[in-house]
Amino acid sequence: MIKKITNENDISHQIAETEKKYFSHPLAEHEIKLMAVNPAYEILSFQKNGQLLSYIVATVGEYECQIIKLASTKKRMGYGKKILTAFIEKHKGKNIYLEVRLSNNDAISLYNSCGFIIDGIRKNLYDSPDEDGIIMHFSNEGI
């Protein structure tokens, strides 16, 4: 089931643990809780029986969104694609932007399969380790 994270359905602890596993700069649980109640952010989760399978953290504006984080608790199960397609569907009419590590071939492949287009390379975007980032977007206009 796809759910928007709010105070009522808080699974911020599970998200924070997943963040620690996959990101060099993970969001802390208190940051996730603050984002969940801030209207400038949206956190969508894909859950089954109360267990987190994947999530997206994004800033959401009137005409565009910026995906900040996308992760799955288990890789190559389709959970990332499930949450990403739900996010795209929810934000029809908005352009969606993201940045991804140049070496993250699995994520780049996922984004390409969902219709994201590479806009360019941002030099030295990431640290821990130092790496370039790929800028991508999804044009949701006319959908």
Protein backbone atom coordinates (compact mmCIF):
# COMPACT_ATOMS: atom_id res chain seq x y z
CA MET A 1 0.00 0.00 0.00
CA ILE A 2 1.25 3.50 -0.87
CA LYS A 3 0.95 5.94 2.05
CA LYS A 4 1.89 9.55 2.65
CA ILE A 5 3.94 9.74 5.84
CA THR A 6 2.35 11.93 8.51
CA ASN A 7 2.21 11.88 12.30
CA GLU A 8 -0.68 9.42 12.12
CA ASN A 9 1.21 6.72 10.19
CA ASP A 10 4.73 7.35 11.37
CA ILE A 11 7.39 4.91 10.22
CA SER A 12 10.23 7.42 10.44
CA HIS A 13 12.37 4.95 12.40
CA GLN A 14 12.27 2.43 9.54
CA ILE A 15 13.11 5.18 7.03
CA ALA A 16 16.02 6.41 9.21
CA GLU A 17 17.44 2.87 9.43
CA THR A 18 17.20 2.47 5.64
CA GLU A 19 18.87 5.87 5.20
CA LYS A 20 21.85 4.72 7.30
CA LYS A 21 22.19 1.60 5.18
CA TYR A 22 22.22 3.29 1.75
CA PHE A 23 23.25 6.96 2.01
CA SER A 24 26.55 8.62 2.94
CA HIS A 25 24.54 11.54 4.41
CA PRO A 26 21.43 9.89 5.88
CA LEU A 27 18.43 11.79 7.13
CA ALA A 28 18.01 11.46 10.89
CA GLU A 29 14.72 10.31 12.36
CA HIS A 30 13.93 13.77 13.79
CA GLU A 31 14.54 15.34 10.34
CA ILE A 32 12.16 12.85 8.74
CA LYS A 33 9.49 13.66 11.32
CA LEU A 34 9.87 17.39 10.67
CA MET A 35 9.64 16.87 6.89
CA ALA A 36 6.51 14.73 7.31
CA VAL A 37 4.57 17.67 8.76
CA ASN A 38 6.09 20.39 6.56
CA PRO A 39 3.86 21.14 3.53
CA ALA A 40 6.93 21.90 1.38
CA TYR A 41 7.94 18.22 1.63
CA GLU A 42 6.27 14.96 0.84
CA ILE A 43 7.28 11.51 1.98
CA LEU A 44 5.54 8.61 0.26
CA SER A 45 6.08 5.05 1.38
CA PHE A 46 5.27 1.64 -0.04
CA GLN A 47 4.41 -0.66 2.86
CA LYS A 48 3.16 -4.17 3.35
CA ASN A 49 1.83 -5.31 6.74
CA GLY A 50 3.34 -2.24 8.40
CA GLN A 51 6.80 -2.95 7.01
CA LEU A 52 8.55 -0.34 4.89
CA LEU A 53 9.49 -1.58 1.40
CA SER A 54 10.41 1.71 -0.32
CA TYR A 55 10.03 5.46 0.05
CA ILE A 56 10.52 8.80 -1.65
CA VAL A 57 11.38 12.11 0.04
CA ALA A 58 10.72 15.13 -2.17
CA THR A 59 10.12 18.83 -2.14
CA VAL A 60 6.80 19.61 -3.75
CA GLY A 61 5.84 22.90 -5.35
CA GLU A 62 2.92 24.08 -7.41
CA TYR A 63 4.55 23.21 -10.76
CA GLU A 64 7.49 20.97 -9.95
CA CYS A 65 8.94 18.43 -7.55
CA GLN A 66 12.52 17.58 -6.58
CA ILE A 67 13.19 14.03 -5.44
CA ILE A 68 15.70 14.17 -2.61
CA LYS A 69 15.81 10.49 -1.65
CA LEU A 70 14.43 7.25 -3.03
CA ALA A 71 15.30 3.91 -1.45
CA SER A 72 14.06 0.36 -1.10
CA THR A 73 14.64 -1.94 1.84
CA LYS A 74 15.38 -4.81 -0.57
CA LYS A 75 16.96 -4.36 -3.97
CA ARG A 76 15.73 -5.78 -7.30
CA MET A 77 12.21 -6.53 -6.03
CA GLY A 78 10.43 -3.75 -7.95
CA TYR A 79 9.74 -1.70 -4.82
CA GLY A 80 11.63 1.36 -6.08
CA LYS A 81 9.72 1.35 -9.36
CA LYS A 82 6.42 0.95 -7.50
CA ILE A 83 6.98 4.03 -5.33
CA LEU A 84 8.42 6.08 -8.21
CA THR A 85 5.50 5.37 -10.54
CA ALA A 86 3.04 6.19 -7.74
CA PHE A 87 4.85 9.50 -7.14
CA ILE A 88 4.77 10.35 -10.87
CA GLU A 89 1.06 9.52 -11.05
CA LYS A 90 0.27 11.59 -7.95
CA HIS A 91 2.03 14.62 -9.41
CA LYS A 92 0.53 14.69 -12.89
CA GLY A 93 1.16 17.99 -14.61
CA LYS A 94 4.33 18.73 -12.62
CA ASN A 95 7.91 18.35 -13.78
CA ILE A 96 10.00 16.12 -11.52
CA TYR A 97 13.74 16.61 -11.02
CA LEU A 98 16.44 14.58 -9.31
CA GLU A 99 20.17 14.09 -9.02
CA VAL A 100 21.90 10.71 -8.82
CA ARG A 101 25.49 9.54 -8.37
CA LEU A 102 27.23 8.82 -11.66
CA SER A 103 28.15 5.34 -10.39
CA ASN A 104 24.60 4.40 -9.30
CA ASN A 105 23.76 2.37 -12.39
CA ASP A 106 20.76 0.63 -10.79
CA ALA A 107 19.11 3.95 -9.93
CA ILE A 108 19.90 5.46 -13.33
CA SER A 109 18.38 2.40 -15.00
CA LEU A 110 15.25 2.71 -12.82
CA TYR A 111 14.84 6.40 -13.65
CA ASN A 112 15.36 5.76 -17.37
CA SER A 113 12.76 2.97 -17.32
CA CYS A 114 10.22 5.39 -15.81
CA GLY A 115 10.80 8.06 -18.47
CA PHE A 116 13.39 10.32 -16.83
CA ILE A 117 15.78 12.10 -19.20
CA ILE A 118 19.40 13.01 -18.48
CA ASP A 119 19.91 16.78 -18.53
CA GLY A 120 23.63 16.84 -17.75
CA ILE A 121 26.43 16.21 -15.31
CA ARG A 122 27.11 18.28 -12.20
CA LYS A 123 30.81 18.04 -11.34
CA ASN A 124 31.81 17.11 -7.78
CA LEU A 125 28.21 17.06 -6.56
CA TYR A 126 28.77 14.31 -4.00
CA ASP A 127 31.30 13.58 -1.31
CA SER A 128 31.99 10.47 0.79
CA PRO A 129 33.22 9.46 -1.80
CA ASP A 130 33.76 12.41 -4.16
CA GLU A 131 31.74 11.93 -7.32
CA ASP A 132 29.90 13.69 -10.13
CA GLY A 133 26.11 13.67 -10.23
CA ILE A 134 23.70 13.18 -13.10
CA ILE A 135 20.82 15.65 -13.31
CA MET A 136 17.60 14.10 -14.62
CA HIS A 137 14.02 15.20 -15.11
CA PHE A 138 10.61 13.77 -15.94
CA SER A 139 8.27 15.98 -17.92
CA ASN A 140 4.79 15.33 -16.65
CA GLU A 141 3.16 17.92 -18.90
CA GLY A 142 0.13 16.71 -20.78
CA ILE A 143 -0.23 13.53 -18.75
